[in-house]
Amino acid sequence: MAAARLRNRLTHPKPGALVIELEEVRRALTAIIELLNVMCLSLYRKKLPTHGRGLSSKRSF
C-alpha cells in the first residue's frame, strides 16, 4: 500500500516540493526485488541471481 501511495505521489504531483523519505524508497525497491524473485522462482524454478544482494549494489554511482 505504501508503494502505491509513493507511485501516486510521483506520477500525480501536487504543487509544491515533493518530499520522499529514504525509507519509502527502500521499501519500494525491496518490494520490486521480492516481486522479481517470486517471478523468477515461478518461471525458471531458480531464484533471482541478485536477490541475496538486496539493496547492496556492486556498482558505484
PDB file of N, CA and C in Angstrom:
ATOM      1  N   MET A   1       0.826  -1.187   0.000  1.00  0.00           N
ATOM      2  CA  MET A   1       0.000   0.000   0.000  1.00  0.00           C
ATOM      3  C   MET A   1       0.872   1.254   0.000  1.00  0.00           C
ATOM      4  N   ALA A   2       1.965   1.221   0.731  1.00  0.00           N
ATOM      5  CA  ALA A   2       2.851   2.387   0.783  1.00  0.00           C
ATOM      6  C   ALA A   2       3.489   2.641  -0.580  1.00  0.00           C
ATOM      7  N   ALA A   3       3.813   1.568  -1.302  1.00  0.00           N
ATOM      8  CA  ALA A   3       4.403   1.734  -2.632  1.00  0.00           C
ATOM      9  C   ALA A   3       3.411   2.362  -3.593  1.00  0.00           C
ATOM     10  N   ALA A   4       2.142   2.025  -3.450  1.00  0.00           N
ATOM     11  CA  ALA A   4       1.111   2.620  -4.311  1.00  0.00           C
ATOM     12  C   ALA A   4       0.972   4.109  -4.021  1.00  0.00           C
ATOM     13  N   ARG A   5       1.019   4.466  -2.750  1.00  0.00           N
ATOM     14  CA  ARG A   5       0.961   5.898  -2.396  1.00  0.00           C
ATOM     15  C   ARG A   5       2.167   6.648  -2.939  1.00  0.00           C
ATOM     16  N   LEU A   6       3.337   6.035  -2.851  1.00  0.00           N
ATOM     17  CA  LEU A   6       4.548   6.646  -3.380  1.00  0.00           C
ATOM     18  C   LEU A   6       4.429   6.825  -4.894  1.00  0.00           C
ATOM     19  N   ARG A   7       3.951   5.800  -5.581  1.00  0.00           N
ATOM     20  CA  ARG A   7       3.764   5.896  -7.026  1.00  0.00           C
ATOM     21  C   ARG A   7       2.792   7.023  -7.375  1.00  0.00           C
ATOM     22  N   ASN A   8       1.701   7.119  -6.643  1.00  0.00           N
ATOM     23  CA  ASN A   8       0.729   8.181  -6.903  1.00  0.00           C
ATOM     24  C   ASN A   8       1.330   9.562  -6.675  1.00  0.00           C
ATOM     25  N   ARG A   9       2.130   9.699  -5.648  1.00  0.00           N
ATOM     26  CA  ARG A   9       2.762  11.000  -5.382  1.00  0.00           C
ATOM     27  C   ARG A   9       3.763  11.366  -6.468  1.00  0.00           C
ATOM     28  N   LEU A  10       4.421  10.354  -7.052  1.00  0.00           N
ATOM     29  CA  LEU A  10       5.389  10.619  -8.114  1.00  0.00           C
ATOM     30  C   LEU A  10       4.715  10.912  -9.453  1.00  0.00           C
ATOM     31  N   THR A  11       3.638  10.187  -9.751  1.00  0.00           N
ATOM     32  CA  THR A  11       3.002  10.341 -11.058  1.00  0.00           C
ATOM     33  C   THR A  11       1.957  11.446 -11.100  1.00  0.00           C
ATOM     34  N   HIS A  12       1.419  11.823  -9.951  1.00  0.00           N
ATOM     35  CA  HIS A  12       0.417  12.887  -9.889  1.00  0.00           C
ATOM     36  C   HIS A  12       0.824  13.911  -8.827  1.00  0.00           C
ATOM     37  N   PRO A  13       1.938  14.598  -9.051  1.00  0.00           N
ATOM     38  CA  PRO A  13       2.413  15.521  -8.010  1.00  0.00           C
ATOM     39  C   PRO A  13       1.503  16.731  -7.849  1.00  0.00           C
ATOM     40  N   LYS A  14       1.387  17.180  -6.621  1.00  0.00           N
ATOM     41  CA  LYS A  14       0.653  18.397  -6.323  1.00  0.00           C
ATOM     42  C   LYS A  14       1.653  19.553  -6.319  1.00  0.00           C
ATOM     43  N   PRO A  15       1.174  20.776  -6.490  1.00  0.00           N
ATOM     44  CA  PRO A  15       2.105  21.924  -6.463  1.00  0.00           C
ATOM     45  C   PRO A  15       2.890  21.964  -5.154  1.00  0.00           C
ATOM     46  N   GLY A  16       4.127  22.373  -5.247  1.00  0.00           N
ATOM     47  CA  GLY A  16       4.991  22.426  -4.068  1.00  0.00           C
ATOM     48  C   GLY A  16       6.061  21.357  -4.149  1.00  0.00           C
ATOM     49  N   ALA A  17       6.885  21.337  -3.152  1.00  0.00           N
ATOM     50  CA  ALA A  17       8.004  20.397  -3.116  1.00  0.00           C
ATOM     51  C   ALA A  17       7.521  18.994  -2.786  1.00  0.00           C
ATOM     52  N   LEU A  18       8.042  18.030  -3.509  1.00  0.00           N
ATOM     53  CA  LEU A  18       7.743  16.623  -3.263  1.00  0.00           C
ATOM     54  C   LEU A  18       8.830  16.069  -2.349  1.00  0.00           C
ATOM     55  N   VAL A  19       8.428  15.580  -1.207  1.00  0.00           N
ATOM     56  CA  VAL A  19       9.384  15.034  -0.242  1.00  0.00           C
ATOM     57  C   VAL A  19       9.210  13.519  -0.207  1.00  0.00           C
ATOM     58  N   ILE A  20      10.290  12.826  -0.517  1.00  0.00           N
ATOM     59  CA  ILE A  20      10.284  11.365  -0.478  1.00  0.00           C
ATOM     60  C   ILE A  20      11.318  10.930   0.541  1.00  0.00           C
ATOM     61  N   GLU A  21      10.867  10.169   1.512  1.00  0.00           N
ATOM     62  CA  GLU A  21      11.752   9.692   2.570  1.00  0.00           C
ATOM     63  C   GLU A  21      12.571   8.506   2.073  1.00  0.00           C
ATOM     64  N   LEU A  22      13.766   8.381   2.584  1.00  0.00           N
ATOM     65  CA  LEU A  22      14.655   7.284   2.214  1.00  0.00           C
ATOM     66  C   LEU A  22      14.013   5.930   2.502  1.00  0.00           C
ATOM     67  N   GLU A  23      13.307   5.815   3.596  1.00  0.00           N
ATOM     68  CA  GLU A  23      12.663   4.553   3.959  1.00  0.00           C
ATOM     69  C   GLU A  23      11.588   4.169   2.943  1.00  0.00           C
ATOM     70  N   GLU A  24      10.884   5.137   2.387  1.00  0.00           N
ATOM     71  CA  GLU A  24       9.879   4.852   1.357  1.00  0.00           C
ATOM     72  C   GLU A  24      10.542   4.264   0.112  1.00  0.00           C
ATOM     73  N   VAL A  25      11.664   4.832  -0.287  1.00  0.00           N
ATOM     74  CA  VAL A  25      12.394   4.338  -1.446  1.00  0.00           C
ATOM     75  C   VAL A  25      12.921   2.935  -1.165  1.00  0.00           C
ATOM     76  N   ARG A  26      13.451   2.738   0.015  1.00  0.00           N
ATOM     77  CA  ARG A  26      13.989   1.422   0.397  1.00  0.00           C
ATOM     78  C   ARG A  26      12.894   0.353   0.351  1.00  0.00           C
ATOM     79  N   ARG A  27      11.730   0.664   0.901  1.00  0.00           N
ATOM     80  CA  ARG A  27      10.629  -0.305   0.901  1.00  0.00           C
ATOM     81  C   ARG A  27      10.139  -0.612  -0.509  1.00  0.00           C
ATOM     82  N   ALA A  28      10.028   0.420  -1.349  1.00  0.00           N
ATOM     83  CA  ALA A  28       9.551   0.213  -2.714  1.00  0.00           C
ATOM     84  C   ALA A  28      10.537  -0.637  -3.512  1.00  0.00           C
ATOM     85  N   LEU A  29      11.821  -0.340  -3.415  1.00  0.00           N
ATOM     86  CA  LEU A  29      12.819  -1.121  -4.149  1.00  0.00           C
ATOM     87  C   LEU A  29      12.896  -2.558  -3.646  1.00  0.00           C
ATOM     88  N   THR A  30      12.772  -2.741  -2.346  1.00  0.00           N
ATOM     89  CA  THR A  30      12.778  -4.091  -1.782  1.00  0.00           C
ATOM     90  C   THR A  30      11.579  -4.879  -2.286  1.00  0.00           C
ATOM     91  N   ALA A  31      10.415  -4.238  -2.370  1.00  0.00           N
ATOM     92  CA  ALA A  31       9.217  -4.905  -2.885  1.00  0.00           C
ATOM     93  C   ALA A  31       9.403  -5.312  -4.340  1.00  0.00           C
ATOM     94  N   ILE A  32      10.044  -4.465  -5.138  1.00  0.00           N
ATOM     95  CA  ILE A  32      10.296  -4.788  -6.548  1.00  0.00           C
ATOM     96  C   ILE A  32      11.236  -5.984  -6.659  1.00  0.00           C
ATOM     97  N   ILE A  33      12.294  -5.998  -5.853  1.00  0.00           N
ATOM     98  CA  ILE A  33      13.245  -7.114  -5.874  1.00  0.00           C
ATOM     99  C   ILE A  33      12.552  -8.404  -5.458  1.00  0.00           C
ATOM    100  N   GLU A  34      11.709  -8.343  -4.440  1.00  0.00           N
ATOM    101  CA  GLU A  34      10.980  -9.531  -3.992  1.00  0.00           C
ATOM    102  C   GLU A  34      10.032 -10.028  -5.079  1.00  0.00           C
ATOM    103  N   LEU A  35       9.343  -9.117  -5.750  1.00  0.00           N
ATOM    104  CA  LEU A  35       8.440  -9.499  -6.831  1.00  0.00           C
ATOM    105  C   LEU A  35       9.210 -10.190  -7.956  1.00  0.00           C
ATOM    106  N   LEU A  36      10.345  -9.622  -8.357  1.00  0.00           N
ATOM    107  CA  LEU A  36      11.153 -10.231  -9.408  1.00  0.00           C
ATOM    108  C   LEU A  36      11.640 -11.622  -8.998  1.00  0.00           C
ATOM    109  N   ASN A  37      11.968 -11.786  -7.726  1.00  0.00           N
ATOM    110  CA  ASN A  37      12.419 -13.089  -7.244  1.00  0.00           C
ATOM    111  C   ASN A  37      11.284 -14.109  -7.318  1.00  0.00           C
ATOM    112  N   VAL A  38      10.086 -13.723  -6.919  1.00  0.00           N
ATOM    113  CA  VAL A  38       8.934 -14.632  -6.986  1.00  0.00           C
ATOM    114  C   VAL A  38       8.649 -15.014  -8.439  1.00  0.00           C
ATOM    115  N   MET A  39       8.751 -14.047  -9.342  1.00  0.00           N
ATOM    116  CA  MET A  39       8.517 -14.331 -10.759  1.00  0.00           C
ATOM    117  C   MET A  39       9.568 -15.301 -11.296  1.00  0.00           C
ATOM    118  N   CYS A  40      10.827 -15.083 -10.949  1.00  0.00           N
ATOM    119  CA  CYS A  40      11.893 -15.994 -11.392  1.00  0.00           C
ATOM    120  C   CYS A  40      11.676 -17.400 -10.845  1.00  0.00           C
ATOM    121  N   LEU A  41      11.281 -17.487  -9.577  1.00  0.00           N
ATOM    122  CA  LEU A  41      11.033 -18.803  -8.987  1.00  0.00           C
ATOM    123  C   LEU A  41       9.901 -19.530  -9.702  1.00  0.00           C
ATOM    124  N   SER A  42       8.846 -18.805 -10.045  1.00  0.00           N
ATOM    125  CA  SER A  42       7.715 -19.469 -10.690  1.00  0.00           C
ATOM    126  C   SER A  42       8.003 -19.804 -12.155  1.00  0.00           C
ATOM    127  N   LEU A  43       8.783 -18.982 -12.829  1.00  0.00           N
ATOM    128  CA  LEU A  43       9.054 -19.212 -14.247  1.00  0.00           C
ATOM    129  C   LEU A  43      10.215 -20.173 -14.482  1.00  0.00           C
ATOM    130  N   TYR A  44      11.298 -19.975 -13.742  1.00  0.00           N
ATOM    131  CA  TYR A  44      12.531 -20.713 -14.011  1.00  0.00           C
ATOM    132  C   TYR A  44      12.911 -21.720 -12.921  1.00  0.00           C
ATOM    133  N   ARG A  45      12.139 -21.722 -11.834  1.00  0.00           N
ATOM    134  CA  ARG A  45      12.436 -22.590 -10.689  1.00  0.00           C
ATOM    135  C   ARG A  45      13.799 -22.287 -10.073  1.00  0.00           C
ATOM    136  N   LYS A  46      14.282 -21.086 -10.276  1.00  0.00           N
ATOM    137  CA  LYS A  46      15.530 -20.610  -9.680  1.00  0.00           C
ATOM    138  C   LYS A  46      15.282 -19.218  -9.140  1.00  0.00           C
ATOM    139  N   LYS A  47      15.968 -18.884  -8.062  1.00  0.00           N
ATOM    140  CA  LYS A  47      15.781 -17.544  -7.530  1.00  0.00           C
ATOM    141  C   LYS A  47      16.543 -16.515  -8.369  1.00  0.00           C
ATOM    142  N   LEU A  48      16.142 -15.283  -8.235  1.00  0.00           N
ATOM    143  CA  LEU A  48      16.800 -14.183  -8.926  1.00  0.00           C
ATOM    144  C   LEU A  48      18.266 -14.166  -8.506  1.00  0.00           C
ATOM    145  N   PRO A  49      19.188 -14.182  -9.461  1.00  0.00           N
ATOM    146  CA  PRO A  49      20.609 -14.271  -9.105  1.00  0.00           C
ATOM    147  C   PRO A  49      21.079 -13.173  -8.142  1.00  0.00           C
ATOM    148  N   THR A  50      20.527 -11.997  -8.261  1.00  0.00           N
ATOM    149  CA  THR A  50      20.970 -10.887  -7.401  1.00  0.00           C
ATOM    150  C   THR A  50      20.092 -10.707  -6.171  1.00  0.00           C
ATOM    151  N   HIS A  51      19.177 -11.629  -5.924  1.00  0.00           N
ATOM    152  CA  HIS A  51      18.239 -11.477  -4.804  1.00  0.00           C
ATOM    153  C   HIS A  51      18.945 -11.392  -3.461  1.00  0.00           C
ATOM    154  N   GLY A  52      19.943 -12.199  -3.256  1.00  0.00           N
ATOM    155  CA  GLY A  52      20.648 -12.214  -1.975  1.00  0.00           C
ATOM    156  C   GLY A  52      21.375 -10.918  -1.661  1.00  0.00           C
ATOM    157  N   ARG A  53      21.669 -10.160  -2.687  1.00  0.00           N
ATOM    158  CA  ARG A  53      22.374  -8.896  -2.503  1.00  0.00           C
ATOM    159  C   ARG A  53      21.457  -7.815  -1.942  1.00  0.00           C
ATOM    160  N   GLY A  54      20.165  -7.958  -2.180  1.00  0.00           N
ATOM    161  CA  GLY A  54      19.210  -6.969  -1.680  1.00  0.00           C
ATOM    162  C   GLY A  54      19.457  -5.610  -2.304  1.00  0.00           C
ATOM    163  N   LEU A  55      19.562  -4.589  -1.485  1.00  0.00           N
ATOM    164  CA  LEU A  55      19.779  -3.241  -1.984  1.00  0.00           C
ATOM    165  C   LEU A  55      21.256  -2.883  -2.071  1.00  0.00           C
ATOM    166  N   SER A  56      22.119  -3.809  -1.738  1.00  0.00           N
ATOM    167  CA  SER A  56      23.563  -3.545  -1.816  1.00  0.00           C
ATOM    168  C   SER A  56      24.045  -3.812  -3.229  1.00  0.00           C
ATOM    169  N   SER A  57      24.473  -2.776  -3.908  1.00  0.00           N
ATOM    170  CA  SER A  57      24.921  -2.904  -5.281  1.00  0.00           C
ATOM    171  C   SER A  57      26.440  -2.978  -5.329  1.00  0.00           C
ATOM    172  N   LYS A  58      26.949  -3.662  -6.343  1.00  0.00           N
ATOM    173  CA  LYS A  58      28.392  -3.695  -6.553  1.00  0.00           C
ATOM    174  C   LYS A  58      28.844  -2.475  -7.337  1.00  0.00           C
ATOM    175  N   ARG A  59      27.908  -1.758  -7.909  1.00  0.00           N
ATOM    176  CA  ARG A  59      28.236  -0.587  -8.725  1.00  0.00           C
ATOM    177  C   ARG A  59      28.429   0.645  -7.859  1.00  0.00           C
ATOM    178  N   SER A  60      29.311   1.503  -8.303  1.00  0.00           N
ATOM    179  CA  SER A  60      29.474   2.781  -7.620  1.00  0.00           C
ATOM    180  C   SER A  60      28.800   3.846  -8.477  1.00  0.00           C
ATOM    181  N   PHE A  61      28.002   4.628  -7.855  1.00  0.00           N
ATOM    182  CA  PHE A  61      27.247   5.644  -8.588  1.00  0.00           C
ATOM    183  C   PHE A  61      27.798   7.012  -8.324  1.00  0.00           C
TER     184      PHE A  61
END
